[in-house]
Amino acid sequence: MKILSYLLSSIFGLVFFSLLLIFHPLQWLGLKLFGQEGHQKVVNIMNWFLIKSLLILGIRVQFENKQELPENTTLIFVANHQSTFDIPPIIWYLRKHYPKFVSKKELGKGIPSISFNLKHGGAALIDRKDAKQALSELGRFAKSINKNKWSAAIFPEGTRSRTGKPKPFSVNGLKMIVKYNPEAFVVPISINNSWKVFKYGKFPLGIGSPIKIRTHKPIKVDSLPFDELITKVETTIKEAIY
């Protein structure tokens, strides 16, 4: 199986990075010609292709959303974090809610398509070594999603779990987003098996394990004190991880 993964990983890598190179200028055109809406449509299509490219590795993405998510308001998607491949399904399957990500500053440069989207698509780019910058950027981000009726997507663990086992949640980023979006709903999301793509390390990639993502019942931000809200969200997410 591992020998096969070397072959499939090479093909996948070529396809994946080709998609990033192709969609980089398309994002630029979408933004320049049609503004934010045009750019977002290009990003959505790109992420559909990125999801389908995982089929080269024999990996299907199963996204389960049995919830009636509120519309015309801000949603705050809160998920555990297992790999890079957590992100394309959230962008694609939740695209009508315009999810914008909280990401580390380093990803905002040097990566075709991804860096362009983070810089121009409404994301928050925080410097984890500079608390003042991080808080300022999160404040700007929180106000922006409120103004535009976008949604936020945040991984409170702060970094990926290499084994699938959730790490403790950090609440500072979520607290800032909630502060400026008191009318919002938090939507817990549980992600399973995404870490198995990197079970051998960066190369070769793991093959054949479906990525399973499940949304949970939305929770109104102002329905609980903040500490209780966070506890409920974290518990809900982790109870569905196996």
Foldseek 3Di string as FASTA:
>chain_A
DQVVLQVLQVVLVVQLLVLLVVLQVVLVCLCVPPNLVRNLVSLLVSLVVNQVSLVSQQAHAAEAEPEDFDPPAEEEEEEAAADPNVPSVCCHVVVNQAEAEEEAQVQLDDRRNRNVCNVRNLHQHAHPVDVVRRLVSLLVSLLVCRVVSHYYYYYQQRDHDLVQQGDDGDCPSVVSNCVSRQAYWYKYKAKEDPSQQQNVHPPSGHGNYYIYMYIDYIHRNNPDPPVVVVVVSVVVRNVPYD
